[in-house]
Amino acid sequence: MKASSRLRGFVKLRPEVEGVLQRVGLDTWDLLLVDVTGLWVRDEFRSEEEAREACRSLGVPCHDGWDDPRMARRMNGRDHWGTAEGQRRAL
């Protein structure tokens, strides 16, 4: 499965994007793409391999869950409610 146009657009427009892969159900995987400023976008995949292939096709590093504390700090570092450019809901 190829990456969606939404994921491709995010990677094109945002700096230093990295992916976080996490299982969210029996047959569902989430791929979150997070940029260096803490903005993010997500998409669901039917398998871990499909999500990894999307990362490869986008040319972004893929992390297994939140194993890298740097990624959690990146995601939580932005004040989404206190700034005008904050992201208040999933896209």
PDB file of N, CA and C in Angstrom:
ATOM      1  N   MET A   1       0.850  -1.185   0.000  1.00  0.00           N
ATOM      2  CA  MET A   1       0.000   0.000   0.000  1.00  0.00           C
ATOM      3  C   MET A   1       0.890   1.240   0.000  1.00  0.00           C
ATOM      4  N   LYS A   2       0.593   2.147  -0.875  1.00  0.00           N
ATOM      5  CA  LYS A   2       1.337   3.393  -0.944  1.00  0.00           C
ATOM      6  C   LYS A   2       0.847   4.357   0.130  1.00  0.00           C
ATOM      7  N   ALA A   3       1.690   5.326   0.426  1.00  0.00           N
ATOM      8  CA  ALA A   3       1.308   6.362   1.380  1.00  0.00           C
ATOM      9  C   ALA A   3       0.233   7.245   0.753  1.00  0.00           C
ATOM     10  N   SER A   4      -0.705   7.689   1.562  1.00  0.00           N
ATOM     11  CA  SER A   4      -1.784   8.549   1.071  1.00  0.00           C
ATOM     12  C   SER A   4      -1.234   9.912   0.658  1.00  0.00           C
ATOM     13  N   SER A   5      -2.011  10.619  -0.126  1.00  0.00           N
ATOM     14  CA  SER A   5      -1.591  11.959  -0.559  1.00  0.00           C
ATOM     15  C   SER A   5      -1.454  12.898   0.631  1.00  0.00           C
ATOM     16  N   ARG A   6      -2.253  12.674   1.665  1.00  0.00           N
ATOM     17  CA  ARG A   6      -2.159  13.504   2.877  1.00  0.00           C
ATOM     18  C   ARG A   6      -0.803  13.313   3.554  1.00  0.00           C
ATOM     19  N   LEU A   7      -0.346  12.057   3.655  1.00  0.00           N
ATOM     20  CA  LEU A   7       0.964  11.794   4.252  1.00  0.00           C
ATOM     21  C   LEU A   7       2.080  12.349   3.376  1.00  0.00           C
ATOM     22  N   ARG A   8       1.975  12.156   2.069  1.00  0.00           N
ATOM     23  CA  ARG A   8       2.993  12.682   1.157  1.00  0.00           C
ATOM     24  C   ARG A   8       3.074  14.202   1.238  1.00  0.00           C
ATOM     25  N   GLY A   9       1.924  14.863   1.288  1.00  0.00           N
ATOM     26  CA  GLY A   9       1.900  16.321   1.400  1.00  0.00           C
ATOM     27  C   GLY A   9       2.524  16.806   2.697  1.00  0.00           C
ATOM     28  N   PHE A  10       2.271  16.090   3.788  1.00  0.00           N
ATOM     29  CA  PHE A  10       2.837  16.466   5.083  1.00  0.00           C
ATOM     30  C   PHE A  10       4.359  16.403   5.034  1.00  0.00           C
ATOM     31  N   VAL A  11       4.886  15.324   4.456  1.00  0.00           N
ATOM     32  CA  VAL A  11       6.338  15.157   4.376  1.00  0.00           C
ATOM     33  C   VAL A  11       6.960  16.239   3.495  1.00  0.00           C
ATOM     34  N   LYS A  12       6.298  16.603   2.420  1.00  0.00           N
ATOM     35  CA  LYS A  12       6.822  17.638   1.526  1.00  0.00           C
ATOM     36  C   LYS A  12       6.888  19.006   2.196  1.00  0.00           C
ATOM     37  N   LEU A  13       5.895  19.307   3.042  1.00  0.00           N
ATOM     38  CA  LEU A  13       5.760  20.657   3.578  1.00  0.00           C
ATOM     39  C   LEU A  13       6.327  20.863   4.970  1.00  0.00           C
ATOM     40  N   ARG A  14       6.657  19.788   5.674  1.00  0.00           N
ATOM     41  CA  ARG A  14       7.076  19.918   7.069  1.00  0.00           C
ATOM     42  C   ARG A  14       8.541  19.520   7.228  1.00  0.00           C
ATOM     43  N   PRO A  15       9.242  20.154   8.182  1.00  0.00           N
ATOM     44  CA  PRO A  15      10.667  19.857   8.389  1.00  0.00           C
ATOM     45  C   PRO A  15      10.903  18.619   9.252  1.00  0.00           C
ATOM     46  N   GLU A  16      11.922  17.857   8.904  1.00  0.00           N
ATOM     47  CA  GLU A  16      12.439  16.744   9.719  1.00  0.00           C
ATOM     48  C   GLU A  16      11.353  15.799  10.222  1.00  0.00           C
ATOM     49  N   VAL A  17      10.609  15.219   9.318  1.00  0.00           N
ATOM     50  CA  VAL A  17       9.506  14.312   9.662  1.00  0.00           C
ATOM     51  C   VAL A  17      10.049  12.923   9.973  1.00  0.00           C
ATOM     52  N   GLU A  18       9.496  12.318  11.026  1.00  0.00           N
ATOM     53  CA  GLU A  18       9.801  10.934  11.388  1.00  0.00           C
ATOM     54  C   GLU A  18       8.494  10.221  11.689  1.00  0.00           C
ATOM     55  N   GLY A  19       8.477   8.905  11.503  1.00  0.00           N
ATOM     56  CA  GLY A  19       7.270   8.123  11.726  1.00  0.00           C
ATOM     57  C   GLY A  19       7.314   7.337  13.018  1.00  0.00           C
ATOM     58  N   VAL A  20       6.140   7.142  13.610  1.00  0.00           N
ATOM     59  CA  VAL A  20       5.982   6.298  14.792  1.00  0.00           C
ATOM     60  C   VAL A  20       4.898   5.282  14.458  1.00  0.00           C
ATOM     61  N   LEU A  21       5.259   4.015  14.531  1.00  0.00           N
ATOM     62  CA  LEU A  21       4.349   2.923  14.202  1.00  0.00           C
ATOM     63  C   LEU A  21       3.851   2.291  15.490  1.00  0.00           C
ATOM     64  N   GLN A  22       2.516   2.151  15.595  1.00  0.00           N
ATOM     65  CA  GLN A  22       1.960   1.530  16.796  1.00  0.00           C
ATOM     66  C   GLN A  22       0.732   0.707  16.428  1.00  0.00           C
ATOM     67  N   ARG A  23       0.594  -0.402  17.122  1.00  0.00           N
ATOM     68  CA  ARG A  23      -0.562  -1.268  16.904  1.00  0.00           C
ATOM     69  C   ARG A  23      -1.739  -0.695  17.692  1.00  0.00           C
ATOM     70  N   VAL A  24      -2.920  -0.649  17.044  1.00  0.00           N
ATOM     71  CA  VAL A  24      -4.086  -0.086  17.715  1.00  0.00           C
ATOM     72  C   VAL A  24      -5.276  -1.033  17.735  1.00  0.00           C
ATOM     73  N   GLY A  25      -5.131  -2.202  17.204  1.00  0.00           N
ATOM     74  CA  GLY A  25      -6.212  -3.171  17.194  1.00  0.00           C
ATOM     75  C   GLY A  25      -5.689  -4.509  16.731  1.00  0.00           C
ATOM     76  N   LEU A  26      -6.567  -5.463  16.609  1.00  0.00           N
ATOM     77  CA  LEU A  26      -6.157  -6.796  16.192  1.00  0.00           C
ATOM     78  C   LEU A  26      -5.495  -6.768  14.817  1.00  0.00           C
ATOM     79  N   ASP A  27      -6.102  -6.058  13.893  1.00  0.00           N
ATOM     80  CA  ASP A  27      -5.578  -5.997  12.524  1.00  0.00           C
ATOM     81  C   ASP A  27      -5.380  -4.560  12.044  1.00  0.00           C
ATOM     82  N   THR A  28      -5.051  -3.657  12.945  1.00  0.00           N
ATOM     83  CA  THR A  28      -4.918  -2.250  12.582  1.00  0.00           C
ATOM     84  C   THR A  28      -3.630  -1.672  13.151  1.00  0.00           C
ATOM     85  N   TRP A  29      -2.944  -0.908  12.323  1.00  0.00           N
ATOM     86  CA  TRP A  29      -1.712  -0.235  12.727  1.00  0.00           C
ATOM     87  C   TRP A  29      -1.833   1.252  12.416  1.00  0.00           C
ATOM     88  N   ASP A  30      -1.370   2.081  13.322  1.00  0.00           N
ATOM     89  CA  ASP A  30      -1.320   3.528  13.109  1.00  0.00           C
ATOM     90  C   ASP A  30       0.092   3.920  12.734  1.00  0.00           C
ATOM     91  N   LEU A  31       0.200   4.812  11.777  1.00  0.00           N
ATOM     92  CA  LEU A  31       1.465   5.446  11.465  1.00  0.00           C
ATOM     93  C   LEU A  31       1.275   6.933  11.706  1.00  0.00           C
ATOM     94  N   LEU A  32       1.994   7.454  12.680  1.00  0.00           N
ATOM     95  CA  LEU A  32       1.976   8.884  12.960  1.00  0.00           C
ATOM     96  C   LEU A  32       3.237   9.483  12.372  1.00  0.00           C
ATOM     97  N   LEU A  33       3.076  10.535  11.613  1.00  0.00           N
ATOM     98  CA  LEU A  33       4.220  11.291  11.126  1.00  0.00           C
ATOM     99  C   LEU A  33       4.281  12.562  11.950  1.00  0.00           C
ATOM    100  N   VAL A  34       5.436  12.805  12.546  1.00  0.00           N
ATOM    101  CA  VAL A  34       5.619  13.944  13.437  1.00  0.00           C
ATOM    102  C   VAL A  34       6.776  14.783  12.911  1.00  0.00           C
ATOM    103  N   ASP A  35       6.534  16.096  12.779  1.00  0.00           N
ATOM    104  CA  ASP A  35       7.632  16.952  12.330  1.00  0.00           C
ATOM    105  C   ASP A  35       8.403  17.478  13.538  1.00  0.00           C
ATOM    106  N   VAL A  36       9.456  18.202  13.274  1.00  0.00           N
ATOM    107  CA  VAL A  36      10.341  18.672  14.337  1.00  0.00           C
ATOM    108  C   VAL A  36       9.653  19.660  15.284  1.00  0.00           C
ATOM    109  N   THR A  37       8.591  20.319  14.820  1.00  0.00           N
ATOM    110  CA  THR A  37       7.894  21.298  15.666  1.00  0.00           C
ATOM    111  C   THR A  37       6.796  20.672  16.510  1.00  0.00           C
ATOM    112  N   GLY A  38       6.490  19.397  16.264  1.00  0.00           N
ATOM    113  CA  GLY A  38       5.451  18.715  17.038  1.00  0.00           C
ATOM    114  C   GLY A  38       4.131  18.556  16.306  1.00  0.00           C
ATOM    115  N   LEU A  39       4.001  19.118  15.106  1.00  0.00           N
ATOM    116  CA  LEU A  39       2.787  18.873  14.331  1.00  0.00           C
ATOM    117  C   LEU A  39       2.807  17.435  13.826  1.00  0.00           C
ATOM    118  N   TRP A  40       1.636  16.852  13.655  1.00  0.00           N
ATOM    119  CA  TRP A  40       1.577  15.458  13.268  1.00  0.00           C
ATOM    120  C   TRP A  40       0.355  15.178  12.393  1.00  0.00           C
ATOM    121  N   VAL A  41       0.418  14.050  11.737  1.00  0.00           N
ATOM    122  CA  VAL A  41      -0.687  13.522  10.950  1.00  0.00           C
ATOM    123  C   VAL A  41      -0.630  12.009  11.095  1.00  0.00           C
ATOM    124  N   ARG A  42      -1.772  11.339  10.958  1.00  0.00           N
ATOM    125  CA  ARG A  42      -1.779   9.888  11.125  1.00  0.00           C
ATOM    126  C   ARG A  42      -2.613   9.239  10.047  1.00  0.00           C
ATOM    127  N   ASP A  43      -2.320   7.974   9.845  1.00  0.00           N
ATOM    128  CA  ASP A  43      -3.107   7.173   8.921  1.00  0.00           C
ATOM    129  C   ASP A  43      -3.129   5.739   9.446  1.00  0.00           C
ATOM    130  N   GLU A  44      -4.171   5.004   9.099  1.00  0.00           N
ATOM    131  CA  GLU A  44      -4.310   3.617   9.524  1.00  0.00           C
ATOM    132  C   GLU A  44      -3.917   2.686   8.397  1.00  0.00           C
ATOM    133  N   PHE A  45      -3.354   1.537   8.788  1.00  0.00           N
ATOM    134  CA  PHE A  45      -2.940   0.519   7.822  1.00  0.00           C
ATOM    135  C   PHE A  45      -3.420  -0.835   8.299  1.00  0.00           C
ATOM    136  N   ARG A  46      -3.589  -1.750   7.360  1.00  0.00           N
ATOM    137  CA  ARG A  46      -4.078  -3.089   7.684  1.00  0.00           C
ATOM    138  C   ARG A  46      -3.002  -4.015   8.213  1.00  0.00           C
ATOM    139  N   SER A  47      -1.726  -3.640   8.018  1.00  0.00           N
ATOM    140  CA  SER A  47      -0.646  -4.491   8.514  1.00  0.00           C
ATOM    141  C   SER A  47       0.562  -3.631   8.857  1.00  0.00           C
ATOM    142  N   GLU A  48       1.419  -4.197   9.670  1.00  0.00           N
ATOM    143  CA  GLU A  48       2.659  -3.526  10.035  1.00  0.00           C
ATOM    144  C   GLU A  48       3.522  -3.308   8.794  1.00  0.00           C
ATOM    145  N   GLU A  49       3.574  -4.299   7.917  1.00  0.00           N
ATOM    146  CA  GLU A  49       4.401  -4.184   6.716  1.00  0.00           C
ATOM    147  C   GLU A  49       3.914  -3.070   5.793  1.00  0.00           C
ATOM    148  N   GLU A  50       2.600  -2.911   5.660  1.00  0.00           N
ATOM    149  CA  GLU A  50       2.074  -1.817   4.831  1.00  0.00           C
ATOM    150  C   GLU A  50       2.498  -0.460   5.393  1.00  0.00           C
ATOM    151  N   ALA A  51       2.443  -0.317   6.709  1.00  0.00           N
ATOM    152  CA  ALA A  51       2.833   0.947   7.343  1.00  0.00           C
ATOM    153  C   ALA A  51       4.329   1.196   7.162  1.00  0.00           C
ATOM    154  N   ARG A  52       5.133   0.154   7.323  1.00  0.00           N
ATOM    155  CA  ARG A  52       6.584   0.304   7.124  1.00  0.00           C
ATOM    156  C   ARG A  52       6.909   0.655   5.667  1.00  0.00           C
ATOM    157  N   GLU A  53       6.185   0.042   4.747  1.00  0.00           N
ATOM    158  CA  GLU A  53       6.385   0.346   3.330  1.00  0.00           C
ATOM    159  C   GLU A  53       6.026   1.805   3.026  1.00  0.00           C
ATOM    160  N   ALA A  54       4.990   2.310   3.673  1.00  0.00           N
ATOM    161  CA  ALA A  54       4.635   3.724   3.498  1.00  0.00           C
ATOM    162  C   ALA A  54       5.779   4.618   3.965  1.00  0.00           C
ATOM    163  N   CYS A  55       6.376   4.299   5.106  1.00  0.00           N
ATOM    164  CA  CYS A  55       7.530   5.076   5.598  1.00  0.00           C
ATOM    165  C   CYS A  55       8.680   5.014   4.607  1.00  0.00           C
ATOM    166  N   ARG A  56       8.964   3.816   4.111  1.00  0.00           N
ATOM    167  CA  ARG A  56      10.053   3.673   3.136  1.00  0.00           C
ATOM    168  C   ARG A  56       9.782   4.500   1.890  1.00  0.00           C
ATOM    169  N   SER A  57       8.550   4.460   1.410  1.00  0.00           N
ATOM    170  CA  SER A  57       8.221   5.206   0.191  1.00  0.00           C
ATOM    171  C   SER A  57       8.298   6.715   0.411  1.00  0.00           C
ATOM    172  N   LEU A  58       8.076   7.146   1.647  1.00  0.00           N
ATOM    173  CA  LEU A  58       8.166   8.571   1.982  1.00  0.00           C
ATOM    174  C   LEU A  58       9.594   9.001   2.306  1.00  0.00           C
ATOM    175  N   GLY A  59      10.455   8.025   2.566  1.00  0.00           N
ATOM    176  CA  GLY A  59      11.839   8.336   2.904  1.00  0.00           C
ATOM    177  C   GLY A  59      12.013   8.895   4.299  1.00  0.00           C
ATOM    178  N   VAL A  60      11.148   8.471   5.230  1.00  0.00           N
ATOM    179  CA  VAL A  60      11.253   8.952   6.612  1.00  0.00           C
ATOM    180  C   VAL A  60      11.618   7.794   7.532  1.00  0.00           C
ATOM    181  N   PRO A  61      12.373   8.074   8.601  1.00  0.00           N
ATOM    182  CA  PRO A  61      12.683   7.033   9.579  1.00  0.00           C
ATOM    183  C   PRO A  61      11.402   6.545  10.258  1.00  0.00           C
ATOM    184  N   CYS A  62      11.369   5.269  10.614  1.00  0.00           N
ATOM    185  CA  CYS A  62      10.200   4.676  11.264  1.00  0.00           C
ATOM    186  C   CYS A  62      10.611   4.108  12.619  1.00  0.00           C
ATOM    187  N   HIS A  63       9.933   4.543  13.672  1.00  0.00           N
ATOM    188  CA  HIS A  63      10.205   4.067  15.035  1.00  0.00           C
ATOM    189  C   HIS A  63       9.129   3.069  15.450  1.00  0.00           C
ATOM    190  N   ASP A  64       9.539   2.056  16.193  1.00  0.00           N
ATOM    191  CA  ASP A  64       8.596   1.075  16.732  1.00  0.00           C
ATOM    192  C   ASP A  64       7.996   1.628  18.015  1.00  0.00           C
ATOM    193  N   GLY A  65       6.781   2.113  17.936  1.00  0.00           N
ATOM    194  CA  GLY A  65       6.138   2.699  19.106  1.00  0.00           C
ATOM    195  C   GLY A  65       6.908   3.923  19.572  1.00  0.00           C
ATOM    196  N   TRP A  66       6.797   4.172  20.826  1.00  0.00           N
ATOM    197  CA  TRP A  66       7.427   5.354  21.408  1.00  0.00           C
ATOM    198  C   TRP A  66       8.727   4.959  22.096  1.00  0.00           C
ATOM    199  N   ASP A  67       9.514   4.102  21.429  1.00  0.00           N
ATOM    200  CA  ASP A  67      10.769   3.606  21.980  1.00  0.00           C
ATOM    201  C   ASP A  67      11.845   4.689  22.079  1.00  0.00           C
ATOM    202  N   ASP A  68      11.713   5.740  21.316  1.00  0.00           N
ATOM    203  CA  ASP A  68      12.680   6.833  21.334  1.00  0.00           C
ATOM    204  C   ASP A  68      12.087   7.998  22.120  1.00  0.00           C
ATOM    205  N   PRO A  69      12.600   8.293  23.316  1.00  0.00           N
ATOM    206  CA  PRO A  69      12.025   9.368  24.131  1.00  0.00           C
ATOM    207  C   PRO A  69      12.043  10.726  23.427  1.00  0.00           C
ATOM    208  N   ARG A  70      12.941  10.887  22.495  1.00  0.00           N
ATOM    209  CA  ARG A  70      13.019  12.128  21.734  1.00  0.00           C
ATOM    210  C   ARG A  70      11.724  12.373  20.959  1.00  0.00           C
ATOM    211  N   MET A  71      11.117  11.309  20.451  1.00  0.00           N
ATOM    212  CA  MET A  71       9.882  11.461  19.683  1.00  0.00           C
ATOM    213  C   MET A  71       8.717  11.885  20.579  1.00  0.00           C
ATOM    214  N   ALA A  72       8.645  11.333  21.777  1.00  0.00           N
ATOM    215  CA  ALA A  72       7.593  11.740  22.719  1.00  0.00           C
ATOM    216  C   ALA A  72       7.768  13.202  23.117  1.00  0.00           C
ATOM    217  N   ARG A  73       9.000  13.626  23.356  1.00  0.00           N
ATOM    218  CA  ARG A  73       9.245  15.041  23.684  1.00  0.00           C
ATOM    219  C   ARG A  73       8.852  15.940  22.518  1.00  0.00           C
ATOM    220  N   ARG A  74       9.164  15.491  21.311  1.00  0.00           N
ATOM    221  CA  ARG A  74       8.827  16.263  20.116  1.00  0.00           C
ATOM    222  C   ARG A  74       7.304  16.422  20.003  1.00  0.00           C
ATOM    223  N   MET A  75       6.586  15.335  20.166  1.00  0.00           N
ATOM    224  CA  MET A  75       5.130  15.365  20.023  1.00  0.00           C
ATOM    225  C   MET A  75       4.471  16.204  21.115  1.00  0.00           C
ATOM    226  N   ASN A  76       5.004  16.129  22.327  1.00  0.00           N
ATOM    227  CA  ASN A  76       4.394  16.821  23.461  1.00  0.00           C
ATOM    228  C   ASN A  76       4.952  18.222  23.695  1.00  0.00           C
ATOM    229  N   GLY A  77       5.942  18.620  22.927  1.00  0.00           N
ATOM    230  CA  GLY A  77       6.584  19.912  23.163  1.00  0.00           C
ATOM    231  C   GLY A  77       5.783  21.113  22.716  1.00  0.00           C
ATOM    232  N   ARG A  78       4.857  20.935  21.815  1.00  0.00           N
ATOM    233  CA  ARG A  78       4.068  22.056  21.281  1.00  0.00           C
ATOM    234  C   ARG A  78       2.834  22.284  22.149  1.00  0.00           C
ATOM    235  N   ASP A  79       2.535  23.547  22.422  1.00  0.00           N
ATOM    236  CA  ASP A  79       1.317  23.912  23.154  1.00  0.00           C
ATOM    237  C   ASP A  79       0.195  24.092  22.130  1.00  0.00           C
ATOM    238  N   HIS A  80      -0.509  23.017  21.832  1.00  0.00           N
ATOM    239  CA  HIS A  80      -1.518  23.050  20.783  1.00  0.00           C
ATOM    240  C   HIS A  80      -2.706  23.943  21.127  1.00  0.00           C
ATOM    241  N   TRP A  81      -3.039  24.059  22.395  1.00  0.00           N
ATOM    242  CA  TRP A  81      -4.203  24.869  22.770  1.00  0.00           C
ATOM    243  C   TRP A  81      -3.850  26.326  22.996  1.00  0.00           C
ATOM    244  N   GLY A  82      -2.595  26.599  23.301  1.00  0.00           N
ATOM    245  CA  GLY A  82      -2.204  27.971  23.645  1.00  0.00           C
ATOM    246  C   GLY A  82      -1.610  28.776  22.506  1.00  0.00           C
ATOM    247  N   THR A  83      -1.461  28.173  21.329  1.00  0.00           N
ATOM    248  CA  THR A  83      -0.894  28.897  20.202  1.00  0.00           C
ATOM    249  C   THR A  83      -1.839  28.826  19.009  1.00  0.00           C
ATOM    250  N   ALA A  84      -1.802  29.838  18.183  1.00  0.00           N
ATOM    251  CA  ALA A  84      -2.713  29.915  17.044  1.00  0.00           C
ATOM    252  C   ALA A  84      -2.506  28.779  16.050  1.00  0.00           C
ATOM    253  N   GLU A  85      -1.249  28.337  15.881  1.00  0.00           N
ATOM    254  CA  GLU A  85      -0.983  27.281  14.922  1.00  0.00           C
ATOM    255  C   GLU A  85      -1.076  25.887  15.537  1.00  0.00           C
ATOM    256  N   GLY A  86      -1.597  25.786  16.745  1.00  0.00           N
ATOM    257  CA  GLY A  86      -1.715  24.485  17.410  1.00  0.00           C
ATOM    258  C   GLY A  86      -2.705  23.569  16.704  1.00  0.00           C
ATOM    259  N   GLN A  87      -2.433  22.284  16.796  1.00  0.00           N
ATOM    260  CA  GLN A  87      -3.278  21.266  16.183  1.00  0.00           C
ATOM    261  C   GLN A  87      -4.221  20.730  17.249  1.00  0.00           C
ATOM    262  N   ARG A  88      -5.517  20.952  17.096  1.00  0.00           N
ATOM    263  CA  ARG A  88      -6.466  20.626  18.134  1.00  0.00           C
ATOM    264  C   ARG A  88      -7.235  19.347  17.909  1.00  0.00           C
ATOM    265  N   ARG A  89      -7.071  18.727  16.768  1.00  0.00           N
ATOM    266  CA  ARG A  89      -7.787  17.467  16.500  1.00  0.00           C
ATOM    267  C   ARG A  89      -7.018  16.671  15.458  1.00  0.00           C
ATOM    268  N   ALA A  90      -7.343  15.409  15.401  1.00  0.00           N
ATOM    269  CA  ALA A  90      -6.723  14.557  14.372  1.00  0.00           C
ATOM    270  C   ALA A  90      -7.258  14.959  13.012  1.00  0.00           C
ATOM    271  N   LEU A  91      -6.406  14.893  12.018  1.00  0.00           N
ATOM    272  CA  LEU A  91      -6.829  15.242  10.652  1.00  0.00           C
ATOM    273  C   LEU A  91      -7.398  14.050   9.943  1.00  0.00           C
TER     274      LEU A  91
END
